[in-house]
PDB file of N, CA and C in Angstrom:
ATOM      1  N   MET A   1      92.388  80.678 167.834  1.00  0.00           N
ATOM      2  CA  MET A   1      93.197  81.887 167.872  1.00  0.00           C
ATOM      3  C   MET A   1      92.919  82.688 166.601  1.00  0.00           C
ATOM      4  N   HIS A   2      92.673  83.964 166.753  1.00  0.00           N
ATOM      5  CA  HIS A   2      92.403  84.851 165.636  1.00  0.00           C
ATOM      6  C   HIS A   2      93.671  85.047 164.807  1.00  0.00           C
ATOM      7  N   GLY A   3      93.528  85.232 163.505  1.00  0.00           N
ATOM      8  CA  GLY A   3      94.671  85.370 162.611  1.00  0.00           C
ATOM      9  C   GLY A   3      95.627  86.487 162.999  1.00  0.00           C
ATOM     10  N   ARG A   4      95.080  87.627 163.413  1.00  0.00           N
ATOM     11  CA  ARG A   4      95.931  88.759 163.784  1.00  0.00           C
ATOM     12  C   ARG A   4      96.696  88.487 165.073  1.00  0.00           C
ATOM     13  N   SER A   5      96.023  87.903 166.038  1.00  0.00           N
ATOM     14  CA  SER A   5      96.701  87.635 167.313  1.00  0.00           C
ATOM     15  C   SER A   5      97.743  86.536 167.160  1.00  0.00           C
ATOM     16  N   LYS A   6      97.574  85.671 166.176  1.00  0.00           N
ATOM     17  CA  LYS A   6      98.570  84.633 165.922  1.00  0.00           C
ATOM     18  C   LYS A   6      99.909  85.275 165.553  1.00  0.00           C
ATOM     19  N   HIS A   7      99.868  86.309 164.723  1.00  0.00           N
ATOM     20  CA  HIS A   7     101.099  86.995 164.324  1.00  0.00           C
ATOM     21  C   HIS A   7     101.757  87.687 165.512  1.00  0.00           C
ATOM     22  N   ILE A   8     100.948  88.258 166.386  1.00  0.00           N
ATOM     23  CA  ILE A   8     101.492  88.888 167.593  1.00  0.00           C
ATOM     24  C   ILE A   8     102.157  87.833 168.457  1.00  0.00           C
ATOM     25  N   ASP A   9     101.506  86.689 168.597  1.00  0.00           N
ATOM     26  CA  ASP A   9     102.050  85.599 169.407  1.00  0.00           C
ATOM     27  C   ASP A   9     103.388  85.116 168.843  1.00  0.00           C
ATOM     28  N   VAL A  10     103.478  84.954 167.527  1.00  0.00           N
ATOM     29  CA  VAL A  10     104.720  84.505 166.886  1.00  0.00           C
ATOM     30  C   VAL A  10     105.825  85.530 167.123  1.00  0.00           C
ATOM     31  N   ARG A  11     105.513  86.815 166.949  1.00  0.00           N
ATOM     32  CA  ARG A  11     106.513  87.868 167.158  1.00  0.00           C
ATOM     33  C   ARG A  11     106.972  87.917 168.608  1.00  0.00           C
ATOM     34  N   LEU A  12     106.031  87.767 169.521  1.00  0.00           N
ATOM     35  CA  LEU A  12     106.373  87.790 170.940  1.00  0.00           C
ATOM     36  C   LEU A  12     107.333  86.661 171.280  1.00  0.00           C
ATOM     37  N   HIS A  13     107.032  85.463 170.821  1.00  0.00           N
ATOM     38  CA  HIS A  13     107.908  84.324 171.112  1.00  0.00           C
ATOM     39  C   HIS A  13     109.263  84.468 170.424  1.00  0.00           C
ATOM     40  N   PHE A  14     109.277  85.022 169.222  1.00  0.00           N
ATOM     41  CA  PHE A  14     110.534  85.257 168.513  1.00  0.00           C
ATOM     42  C   PHE A  14     111.419  86.212 169.311  1.00  0.00           C
ATOM     43  N   LEU A  15     110.840  87.328 169.773  1.00  0.00           N
ATOM     44  CA  LEU A  15     111.607  88.296 170.570  1.00  0.00           C
ATOM     45  C   LEU A  15     112.019  87.703 171.912  1.00  0.00           C
ATOM     46  N   ARG A  16     111.133  86.938 172.508  1.00  0.00           N
ATOM     47  CA  ARG A  16     111.446  86.296 173.784  1.00  0.00           C
ATOM     48  C   ARG A  16     112.634  85.346 173.630  1.00  0.00           C
ATOM     49  N   ASP A  17     112.656  84.574 172.538  1.00  0.00           N
ATOM     50  CA  ASP A  17     113.769  83.650 172.291  1.00  0.00           C
ATOM     51  C   ASP A  17     115.076  84.399 172.044  1.00  0.00           C
ATOM     52  N   LEU A  18     115.029  85.477 171.274  1.00  0.00           N
ATOM     53  CA  LEU A  18     116.242  86.268 171.029  1.00  0.00           C
ATOM     54  C   LEU A  18     116.785  86.860 172.323  1.00  0.00           C
ATOM     55  N   THR A  19     115.884  87.299 173.191  1.00  0.00           N
ATOM     56  CA  THR A  19     116.299  87.853 174.481  1.00  0.00           C
ATOM     57  C   THR A  19     116.917  86.765 175.347  1.00  0.00           C
ATOM     58  N   LYS A  20     116.273  85.623 175.394  1.00  0.00           N
ATOM     59  CA  LYS A  20     116.765  84.509 176.205  1.00  0.00           C
ATOM     60  C   LYS A  20     118.147  84.050 175.729  1.00  0.00           C
ATOM     61  N   ASP A  21     118.369  84.059 174.414  1.00  0.00           N
ATOM     62  CA  ASP A  21     119.654  83.638 173.846  1.00  0.00           C
ATOM     63  C   ASP A  21     120.731  84.717 173.948  1.00  0.00           C
ATOM     64  N   GLY A  22     120.369  85.890 174.455  1.00  0.00           N
ATOM     65  CA  GLY A  22     121.341  86.972 174.615  1.00  0.00           C
ATOM     66  C   GLY A  22     121.671  87.699 173.322  1.00  0.00           C
ATOM     67  N   LYS A  23     120.857  87.513 172.287  1.00  0.00           N
ATOM     68  CA  LYS A  23     121.117  88.165 171.000  1.00  0.00           C
ATOM     69  C   LYS A  23     120.615  89.604 170.975  1.00  0.00           C
ATOM     70  N   ILE A  24     119.584  89.873 171.743  1.00  0.00           N
ATOM     71  CA  ILE A  24     119.085  91.240 171.887  1.00  0.00           C
ATOM     72  C   ILE A  24     118.825  91.506 173.355  1.00  0.00           C
ATOM     73  N   GLN A  25     118.734  92.770 173.687  1.00  0.00           N
ATOM     74  CA  GLN A  25     118.423  93.164 175.056  1.00  0.00           C
ATOM     75  C   GLN A  25     117.263  94.147 175.007  1.00  0.00           C
ATOM     76  N   MET A  26     116.239  93.864 175.761  1.00  0.00           N
ATOM     77  CA  MET A  26     115.097  94.759 175.843  1.00  0.00           C
ATOM     78  C   MET A  26     115.403  95.853 176.849  1.00  0.00           C
ATOM     79  N   LEU A  27     115.196  97.088 176.442  1.00  0.00           N
ATOM     80  CA  LEU A  27     115.434  98.225 177.318  1.00  0.00           C
ATOM     81  C   LEU A  27     114.138  98.990 177.513  1.00  0.00           C
ATOM     82  N   HIS A  28     113.944  99.504 178.716  1.00  0.00           N
ATOM     83  CA  HIS A  28     112.779 100.329 178.989  1.00  0.00           C
ATOM     84  C   HIS A  28     112.990 101.694 178.358  1.00  0.00           C
ATOM     85  N   CYS A  29     111.971 102.187 177.725  1.00  0.00           N
ATOM     86  CA  CYS A  29     112.019 103.507 177.108  1.00  0.00           C
ATOM     87  C   CYS A  29     110.911 104.332 177.760  1.00  0.00           C
ATOM     88  N   SER A  30     111.294 105.356 178.503  1.00  0.00           N
ATOM     89  CA  SER A  30     110.298 106.153 179.222  1.00  0.00           C
ATOM     90  C   SER A  30     109.416 106.914 178.240  1.00  0.00           C
ATOM     91  N   SER A  31     108.270 107.330 178.694  1.00  0.00           N
ATOM     92  CA  SER A  31     107.363 108.073 177.819  1.00  0.00           C
ATOM     93  C   SER A  31     107.987 109.390 177.374  1.00  0.00           C
ATOM     94  N   PHE A  32     108.939 109.911 178.136  1.00  0.00           N
ATOM     95  CA  PHE A  32     109.642 111.142 177.762  1.00  0.00           C
ATOM     96  C   PHE A  32     110.457 110.931 176.481  1.00  0.00           C
ATOM     97  N   GLU A  33     110.872 109.695 176.220  1.00  0.00           N
ATOM     98  CA  GLU A  33     111.714 109.385 175.059  1.00  0.00           C
ATOM     99  C   GLU A  33     110.936 108.802 173.883  1.00  0.00           C
ATOM    100  N   GLN A  34     109.638 108.647 174.015  1.00  0.00           N
ATOM    101  CA  GLN A  34     108.835 108.012 172.969  1.00  0.00           C
ATOM    102  C   GLN A  34     108.548 109.001 171.837  1.00  0.00           C
ATOM    103  N   VAL A  35     109.347 108.946 170.781  1.00  0.00           N
ATOM    104  CA  VAL A  35     109.155 109.885 169.679  1.00  0.00           C
ATOM    105  C   VAL A  35     107.867 109.602 168.901  1.00  0.00           C
ATOM    106  N   ALA A  36     107.339 108.392 168.988  1.00  0.00           N
ATOM    107  CA  ALA A  36     106.087 108.068 168.293  1.00  0.00           C
ATOM    108  C   ALA A  36     104.915 108.856 168.868  1.00  0.00           C
ATOM    109  N   ASP A  37     105.064 109.383 170.075  1.00  0.00           N
ATOM    110  CA  ASP A  37     103.986 110.161 170.691  1.00  0.00           C
ATOM    111  C   ASP A  37     103.592 111.362 169.845  1.00  0.00           C
ATOM    112  N   ILE A  38     104.501 111.847 169.006  1.00  0.00           N
ATOM    113  CA  ILE A  38     104.196 113.018 168.189  1.00  0.00           C
ATOM    114  C   ILE A  38     103.049 112.711 167.220  1.00  0.00           C
ATOM    115  N   MET A  39     102.881 111.435 166.887  1.00  0.00           N
ATOM    116  CA  MET A  39     101.820 111.035 165.956  1.00  0.00           C
ATOM    117  C   MET A  39     100.577 110.497 166.655  1.00  0.00           C
ATOM    118  N   THR A  40     100.664 110.218 167.950  1.00  0.00           N
ATOM    119  CA  THR A  40      99.555 109.524 168.604  1.00  0.00           C
ATOM    120  C   THR A  40      98.930 110.272 169.769  1.00  0.00           C
ATOM    121  N   LYS A  41      99.563 111.349 170.233  1.00  0.00           N
ATOM    122  CA  LYS A  41      99.052 112.035 171.420  1.00  0.00           C
ATOM    123  C   LYS A  41      99.002 113.539 171.209  1.00  0.00           C
ATOM    124  N   ALA A  42      98.109 114.170 171.946  1.00  0.00           N
ATOM    125  CA  ALA A  42      98.097 115.628 171.992  1.00  0.00           C
ATOM    126  C   ALA A  42      99.197 116.044 172.963  1.00  0.00           C
ATOM    127  N   LEU A  43     100.183 116.773 172.458  1.00  0.00           N
ATOM    128  CA  LEU A  43     101.343 117.139 173.268  1.00  0.00           C
ATOM    129  C   LEU A  43     101.335 118.623 173.566  1.00  0.00           C
ATOM    130  N   SER A  44     101.973 118.975 174.668  1.00  0.00           N
ATOM    131  CA  SER A  44     102.184 120.392 174.942  1.00  0.00           C
ATOM    132  C   SER A  44     103.145 120.927 173.887  1.00  0.00           C
ATOM    133  N   LEU A  45     103.180 122.224 173.721  1.00  0.00           N
ATOM    134  CA  LEU A  45     104.073 122.830 172.740  1.00  0.00           C
ATOM    135  C   LEU A  45     105.525 122.462 173.023  1.00  0.00           C
ATOM    136  N   ASP A  46     105.914 122.486 174.294  1.00  0.00           N
ATOM    137  CA  ASP A  46     107.296 122.147 174.654  1.00  0.00           C
ATOM    138  C   ASP A  46     107.639 120.714 174.257  1.00  0.00           C
ATOM    139  N   ASN A  47     106.746 119.763 174.571  1.00  0.00           N
ATOM    140  CA  ASN A  47     107.006 118.365 174.219  1.00  0.00           C
ATOM    141  C   ASN A  47     106.990 118.151 172.708  1.00  0.00           C
ATOM    142  N   PHE A  48     106.081 118.831 172.016  1.00  0.00           N
ATOM    143  CA  PHE A  48     106.045 118.720 170.563  1.00  0.00           C
ATOM    144  C   PHE A  48     107.359 119.192 169.952  1.00  0.00           C
ATOM    145  N   CYS A  49     107.844 120.349 170.390  1.00  0.00           N
ATOM    146  CA  CYS A  49     109.095 120.895 169.852  1.00  0.00           C
ATOM    147  C   CYS A  49     110.282 120.001 170.203  1.00  0.00           C
ATOM    148  N   ARG A  50     110.292 119.453 171.404  1.00  0.00           N
ATOM    149  CA  ARG A  50     111.390 118.580 171.827  1.00  0.00           C
ATOM    150  C   ARG A  50     111.439 117.320 170.959  1.00  0.00           C
ATOM    151  N   ILE A  51     110.283 116.689 170.756  1.00  0.00           N
ATOM    152  CA  ILE A  51     110.244 115.470 169.952  1.00  0.00           C
ATOM    153  C   ILE A  51     110.533 115.786 168.493  1.00  0.00           C
ATOM    154  N   ARG A  52     109.998 116.897 168.003  1.00  0.00           N
ATOM    155  CA  ARG A  52     110.283 117.302 166.625  1.00  0.00           C
ATOM    156  C   ARG A  52     111.783 117.457 166.413  1.00  0.00           C
ATOM    157  N   ASP A  53     112.457 118.062 167.387  1.00  0.00           N
ATOM    158  CA  ASP A  53     113.905 118.237 167.293  1.00  0.00           C
ATOM    159  C   ASP A  53     114.635 116.896 167.370  1.00  0.00           C
ATOM    160  N   MET A  54     114.124 115.960 168.197  1.00  0.00           N
ATOM    161  CA  MET A  54     114.732 114.629 168.282  1.00  0.00           C
ATOM    162  C   MET A  54     114.659 113.911 166.935  1.00  0.00           C
ATOM    163  N   LEU A  55     113.572 114.139 166.209  1.00  0.00           N
ATOM    164  CA  LEU A  55     113.392 113.509 164.905  1.00  0.00           C
ATOM    165  C   LEU A  55     114.165 114.227 163.803  1.00  0.00           C
ATOM    166  N   GLY A  56     114.689 115.406 164.117  1.00  0.00           N
ATOM    167  CA  GLY A  56     115.435 116.167 163.120  1.00  0.00           C
ATOM    168  C   GLY A  56     114.541 116.825 162.088  1.00  0.00           C
ATOM    169  N   MET A  57     113.294 117.090 162.466  1.00  0.00           N
ATOM    170  CA  MET A  57     112.355 117.699 161.529  1.00  0.00           C
ATOM    171  C   MET A  57     112.536 119.207 161.530  1.00  0.00           C
ATOM    172  N   LEU A  58     112.631 119.766 160.353  1.00  0.00           N
ATOM    173  CA  LEU A  58     112.746 121.208 160.195  1.00  0.00           C
ATOM    174  C   LEU A  58     111.593 121.692 159.340  1.00  0.00           C
ATOM    175  N   ILE A  59     111.234 122.933 159.526  1.00  0.00           N
ATOM    176  CA  ILE A  59     110.182 123.517 158.710  1.00  0.00           C
ATOM    177  C   ILE A  59     110.813 123.984 157.410  1.00  0.00           C
ATOM    178  N   GLY A  60     110.261 123.520 156.315  1.00  0.00           N
ATOM    179  CA  GLY A  60     110.763 123.903 154.996  1.00  0.00           C
ATOM    180  C   GLY A  60     110.118 125.195 154.540  1.00  0.00           C
ATOM    181  N   LYS A  61     109.934 125.302 153.266  1.00  0.00           N
ATOM    182  CA  LYS A  61     109.334 126.490 152.686  1.00  0.00           C
ATOM    183  C   LYS A  61     107.869 126.579 153.115  1.00  0.00           C
ATOM    184  N   LEU A  62     107.505 127.714 153.680  1.00  0.00           N
ATOM    185  CA  LEU A  62     106.136 127.901 154.150  1.00  0.00           C
ATOM    186  C   LEU A  62     105.245 128.370 153.009  1.00  0.00           C
ATOM    187  N   SER A  63     104.015 127.988 153.083  1.00  0.00           N
ATOM    188  CA  SER A  63     103.029 128.409 152.103  1.00  0.00           C
ATOM    189  C   SER A  63     102.873 129.921 152.146  1.00  0.00           C
ATOM    190  N   PRO A  64     102.639 130.559 150.999  1.00  0.00           N
ATOM    191  CA  PRO A  64     102.428 132.016 151.002  1.00  0.00           C
ATOM    192  C   PRO A  64     101.219 132.429 151.833  1.00  0.00           C
ATOM    193  N   ARG A  65     100.305 131.484 152.096  1.00  0.00           N
ATOM    194  CA  ARG A  65      99.115 131.800 152.890  1.00  0.00           C
ATOM    195  C   ARG A  65      99.430 132.004 154.364  1.00  0.00           C
ATOM    196  N   VAL A  66     100.614 131.553 154.798  1.00  0.00           N
ATOM    197  CA  VAL A  66     100.976 131.731 156.203  1.00  0.00           C
ATOM    198  C   VAL A  66     101.379 133.181 156.386  1.00  0.00           C
ATOM    199  N   SER A  67     100.639 133.877 157.219  1.00  0.00           N
ATOM    200  CA  SER A  67     100.927 135.301 157.387  1.00  0.00           C
ATOM    201  C   SER A  67     102.169 135.510 158.237  1.00  0.00           C
ATOM    202  N   GLN A  68     102.762 136.670 158.095  1.00  0.00           N
ATOM    203  CA  GLN A  68     103.946 137.014 158.874  1.00  0.00           C
ATOM    204  C   GLN A  68     103.618 137.013 160.365  1.00  0.00           C
ATOM    205  N   LEU A  69     102.413 137.382 160.738  1.00  0.00           N
ATOM    206  CA  LEU A  69     102.034 137.386 162.154  1.00  0.00           C
ATOM    207  C   LEU A  69     102.011 135.973 162.721  1.00  0.00           C
ATOM    208  N   GLN A  70     101.518 135.000 161.965  1.00  0.00           N
ATOM    209  CA  GLN A  70     101.519 133.616 162.431  1.00  0.00           C
ATOM    210  C   GLN A  70     102.949 133.130 162.623  1.00  0.00           C
ATOM    211  N   LEU A  71     103.817 133.450 161.685  1.00  0.00           N
ATOM    212  CA  LEU A  71     105.205 133.043 161.763  1.00  0.00           C
ATOM    213  C   LEU A  71     105.884 133.665 162.975  1.00  0.00           C
ATOM    214  N   LEU A  72     105.634 134.937 163.210  1.00  0.00           N
ATOM    215  CA  LEU A  72     106.218 135.603 164.378  1.00  0.00           C
ATOM    216  C   LEU A  72     105.676 135.008 165.667  1.00  0.00           C
ATOM    217  N   GLY A  73     104.392 134.644 165.693  1.00  0.00           N
ATOM    218  CA  GLY A  73     103.803 134.034 166.881  1.00  0.00           C
ATOM    219  C   GLY A  73     104.439 132.698 167.211  1.00  0.00           C
ATOM    220  N   LEU A  74     104.696 131.887 166.202  1.00  0.00           N
ATOM    221  CA  LEU A  74     105.353 130.601 166.427  1.00  0.00           C
ATOM    222  C   LEU A  74     106.776 130.793 166.929  1.00  0.00           C
ATOM    223  N   ARG A  75     107.476 131.769 166.368  1.00  0.00           N
ATOM    224  CA  ARG A  75     108.841 132.034 166.828  1.00  0.00           C
ATOM    225  C   ARG A  75     108.836 132.519 168.272  1.00  0.00           C
ATOM    226  N   ALA A  76     107.875 133.359 168.619  1.00  0.00           N
ATOM    227  CA  ALA A  76     107.805 133.902 169.978  1.00  0.00           C
ATOM    228  C   ALA A  76     107.567 132.792 170.993  1.00  0.00           C
ATOM    229  N   ARG A  77     106.814 131.754 170.611  1.00  0.00           N
ATOM    230  CA  ARG A  77     106.560 130.637 171.525  1.00  0.00           C
ATOM    231  C   ARG A  77     107.710 129.640 171.531  1.00  0.00           C
ATOM    232  N   GLY A  78     108.699 129.833 170.671  1.00  0.00           N
ATOM    233  CA  GLY A  78     109.867 128.966 170.665  1.00  0.00           C
ATOM    234  C   GLY A  78     109.707 127.711 169.837  1.00  0.00           C
ATOM    235  N   CYS A  79     108.650 127.634 169.031  1.00  0.00           N
ATOM    236  CA  CYS A  79     108.414 126.419 168.262  1.00  0.00           C
ATOM    237  C   CYS A  79     109.174 126.425 166.936  1.00  0.00           C
ATOM    238  N   LEU A  80     109.446 127.589 166.411  1.00  0.00           N
ATOM    239  CA  LEU A  80     110.232 127.682 165.181  1.00  0.00           C
ATOM    240  C   LEU A  80     111.638 128.109 165.535  1.00  0.00           C
ATOM    241  N   ARG A  81     112.581 127.396 165.008  1.00  0.00           N
ATOM    242  CA  ARG A  81     113.975 127.771 165.209  1.00  0.00           C
ATOM    243  C   ARG A  81     114.603 127.973 163.845  1.00  0.00           C
ATOM    244  N   PRO A  82     115.459 128.981 163.712  1.00  0.00           N
ATOM    245  CA  PRO A  82     116.079 129.201 162.406  1.00  0.00           C
ATOM    246  C   PRO A  82     116.948 128.021 162.006  1.00  0.00           C
ATOM    247  N   LYS A  83     116.931 127.709 160.738  1.00  0.00           N
ATOM    248  CA  LYS A  83     117.762 126.626 160.211  1.00  0.00           C
ATOM    249  C   LYS A  83     119.197 127.132 160.126  1.00  0.00           C
ATOM    250  N   LEU A  84     120.108 126.419 160.768  1.00  0.00           N
ATOM    251  CA  LEU A  84     121.504 126.829 160.769  1.00  0.00           C
ATOM    252  C   LEU A  84     122.178 126.336 159.500  1.00  0.00           C
ATOM    253  N   VAL A  85     122.887 127.229 158.853  1.00  0.00           N
ATOM    254  CA  VAL A  85     123.627 126.871 157.649  1.00  0.00           C
ATOM    255  C   VAL A  85     125.037 126.515 158.072  1.00  0.00           C
ATOM    256  N   GLY A  86     125.522 125.390 157.637  1.00  0.00           N
ATOM    257  CA  GLY A  86     126.857 125.036 158.090  1.00  0.00           C
ATOM    258  C   GLY A  86     127.305 123.831 157.456  1.00  0.00           C
TER     259      GLY A  86
END
């Protein structure tokens, strides 16, 4: 058994035992809810914005190199939302 797969095997059995003992419950998570997809897949603009919002990511101070036209274009597509003060 390869060293890396040994660790996977140990983790799998550990989780399997916790599930069997009723200490944890495994739940299915649909691909629609997979926030890690933002780092691993090419997403449509709508899915990117949805996952970004799920993560609570906001756009901070923009670089001066970002032109006003680029900023307006992003807002027009619905990807930038104003930060609410409250």
